[in-house]
PDB file of N, CA and C in Angstrom:
ATOM      1  N   MET A   1      83.295 144.571 141.787  1.00  0.00           N
ATOM      2  CA  MET A   1      83.517 143.813 143.011  1.00  0.00           C
ATOM      3  C   MET A   1      82.135 144.501 144.569  1.00  0.00           C
ATOM      4  N   ASN A   2      81.696 143.475 145.315  1.00  0.00           N
ATOM      5  CA  ASN A   2      81.142 143.864 146.186  1.00  0.00           C
ATOM      6  C   ASN A   2      81.395 143.311 147.155  1.00  0.00           C
ATOM      7  N   LEU A   3      81.294 144.677 147.932  1.00  0.00           N
ATOM      8  CA  LEU A   3      81.516 144.089 149.729  1.00  0.00           C
ATOM      9  C   LEU A   3      80.675 144.960 150.552  1.00  0.00           C
ATOM     10  N   ASN A   4      80.390 144.019 151.444  1.00  0.00           N
ATOM     11  CA  ASN A   4      79.212 144.090 152.626  1.00  0.00           C
ATOM     12  C   ASN A   4      80.642 144.586 154.160  1.00  0.00           C
ATOM     13  N   LYS A   5      80.032 145.641 154.988  1.00  0.00           N
ATOM     14  CA  LYS A   5      80.593 145.967 155.665  1.00  0.00           C
ATOM     15  C   LYS A   5      79.528 145.746 157.086  1.00  0.00           C
ATOM     16  N   ALA A   6      80.273 144.850 158.203  1.00  0.00           N
ATOM     17  CA  ALA A   6      79.540 144.762 159.470  1.00  0.00           C
ATOM     18  C   ALA A   6      79.864 144.458 160.806  1.00  0.00           C
ATOM     19  N   PHE A   7      79.475 146.176 161.532  1.00  0.00           N
ATOM     20  CA  PHE A   7      79.931 146.618 162.660  1.00  0.00           C
ATOM     21  C   PHE A   7      79.806 145.943 163.580  1.00  0.00           C
ATOM     22  N   LEU A   8      80.078 145.516 164.460  1.00  0.00           N
ATOM     23  CA  LEU A   8      78.903 144.826 166.391  1.00  0.00           C
ATOM     24  C   LEU A   8      79.525 145.833 167.102  1.00  0.00           C
ATOM     25  N   ILE A   9      78.921 146.612 168.001  1.00  0.00           N
ATOM     26  CA  ILE A   9      79.282 146.683 169.371  1.00  0.00           C
ATOM     27  C   ILE A   9      78.264 146.404 170.384  1.00  0.00           C
ATOM     28  N   GLY A  10      78.580 145.870 171.065  1.00  0.00           N
ATOM     29  CA  GLY A  10      78.081 145.453 172.347  1.00  0.00           C
ATOM     30  C   GLY A  10      78.809 143.967 173.362  1.00  0.00           C
ATOM     31  N   ARG A  11      78.100 143.549 173.781  1.00  0.00           N
ATOM     32  CA  ARG A  11      78.601 142.133 173.787  1.00  0.00           C
ATOM     33  C   ARG A  11      77.691 141.072 173.571  1.00  0.00           C
ATOM     34  N   LEU A  12      77.997 140.379 173.319  1.00  0.00           N
ATOM     35  CA  LEU A  12      78.018 138.927 172.742  1.00  0.00           C
ATOM     36  C   LEU A  12      76.539 137.469 173.843  1.00  0.00           C
ATOM     37  N   THR A  13      75.744 137.320 174.031  1.00  0.00           N
ATOM     38  CA  THR A  13      75.266 136.430 174.485  1.00  0.00           C
ATOM     39  C   THR A  13      75.492 135.070 174.746  1.00  0.00           C
ATOM     40  N   GLY A  14      75.588 134.887 173.134  1.00  0.00           N
ATOM     41  CA  GLY A  14      75.922 133.185 172.490  1.00  0.00           C
ATOM     42  C   GLY A  14      76.799 133.501 171.482  1.00  0.00           C
ATOM     43  N   ASP A  15      77.010 132.357 171.138  1.00  0.00           N
ATOM     44  CA  ASP A  15      78.068 132.027 169.904  1.00  0.00           C
ATOM     45  C   ASP A  15      77.051 131.815 168.681  1.00  0.00           C
ATOM     46  N   PRO A  16      78.209 133.125 167.519  1.00  0.00           N
ATOM     47  CA  PRO A  16      77.279 132.943 166.517  1.00  0.00           C
ATOM     48  C   PRO A  16      77.156 131.300 164.992  1.00  0.00           C
ATOM     49  N   GLN A  17      75.628 131.698 165.249  1.00  0.00           N
ATOM     50  CA  GLN A  17      75.854 130.463 163.900  1.00  0.00           C
ATOM     51  C   GLN A  17      75.891 131.384 162.433  1.00  0.00           C
ATOM     52  N   THR A  18      76.815 130.305 161.958  1.00  0.00           N
ATOM     53  CA  THR A  18      76.279 131.232 160.088  1.00  0.00           C
ATOM     54  C   THR A  18      76.364 130.209 159.324  1.00  0.00           C
ATOM     55  N   LYS A  19      75.453 130.031 157.922  1.00  0.00           N
ATOM     56  CA  LYS A  19      74.858 129.118 158.097  1.00  0.00           C
ATOM     57  C   LYS A  19      75.105 129.516 155.664  1.00  0.00           C
ATOM     58  N   SER A  20      74.831 128.950 154.911  1.00  0.00           N
ATOM     59  CA  SER A  20      74.971 129.469 153.628  1.00  0.00           C
ATOM     60  C   SER A  20      73.680 129.216 153.106  1.00  0.00           C
ATOM     61  N   LEU A  21      73.912 129.844 152.485  1.00  0.00           N
ATOM     62  CA  LEU A  21      71.972 129.841 151.485  1.00  0.00           C
ATOM     63  C   LEU A  21      72.837 129.256 150.138  1.00  0.00           C
ATOM     64  N   PRO A  22      71.600 128.624 149.665  1.00  0.00           N
ATOM     65  CA  PRO A  22      71.591 128.088 148.155  1.00  0.00           C
ATOM     66  C   PRO A  22      72.599 129.037 147.023  1.00  0.00           C
ATOM     67  N   SER A  23      72.288 130.579 147.126  1.00  0.00           N
ATOM     68  CA  SER A  23      73.032 131.098 146.779  1.00  0.00           C
ATOM     69  C   SER A  23      73.991 131.862 146.641  1.00  0.00           C
ATOM     70  N   GLY A  24      74.901 131.241 147.665  1.00  0.00           N
ATOM     71  CA  GLY A  24      76.405 131.576 147.711  1.00  0.00           C
ATOM     72  C   GLY A  24      76.879 132.275 149.063  1.00  0.00           C
ATOM     73  N   GLN A  25      75.371 133.091 149.313  1.00  0.00           N
ATOM     74  CA  GLN A  25      75.240 133.958 150.668  1.00  0.00           C
ATOM     75  C   GLN A  25      75.592 133.589 152.490  1.00  0.00           C
ATOM     76  N   GLN A  26      76.089 133.540 153.069  1.00  0.00           N
ATOM     77  CA  GLN A  26      76.547 133.791 154.333  1.00  0.00           C
ATOM     78  C   GLN A  26      75.200 134.461 155.231  1.00  0.00           C
ATOM     79  N   VAL A  27      74.922 133.319 156.525  1.00  0.00           N
ATOM     80  CA  VAL A  27      73.731 134.638 157.096  1.00  0.00           C
ATOM     81  C   VAL A  27      74.932 134.084 158.617  1.00  0.00           C
ATOM     82  N   CYS A  28      74.286 134.767 159.293  1.00  0.00           N
ATOM     83  CA  CYS A  28      75.204 134.932 160.633  1.00  0.00           C
ATOM     84  C   CYS A  28      73.854 135.730 161.903  1.00  0.00           C
ATOM     85  N   ASN A  29      73.731 133.984 163.046  1.00  0.00           N
ATOM     86  CA  ASN A  29      72.770 134.034 163.756  1.00  0.00           C
ATOM     87  C   ASN A  29      72.873 134.175 165.496  1.00  0.00           C
ATOM     88  N   PHE A  30      72.694 135.664 166.016  1.00  0.00           N
ATOM     89  CA  PHE A  30      73.377 135.364 167.071  1.00  0.00           C
ATOM     90  C   PHE A  30      72.479 134.940 168.104  1.00  0.00           C
ATOM     91  N   SER A  31      72.511 134.446 168.782  1.00  0.00           N
ATOM     92  CA  SER A  31      71.080 134.489 170.341  1.00  0.00           C
ATOM     93  C   SER A  31      71.343 134.794 171.364  1.00  0.00           C
TER      94      SER A  31
END
C-alpha cells in the first residue's frame, strides 16, 4: 500500500483546485 502525506502550514489565499490525472493520481493547485 502506498501512502502519501502532505502537510500545509500557513494561510491559503485561494480555493484549492483538484484535478484527476488519467493515471488515477490527484493533483491539487492553490492560487
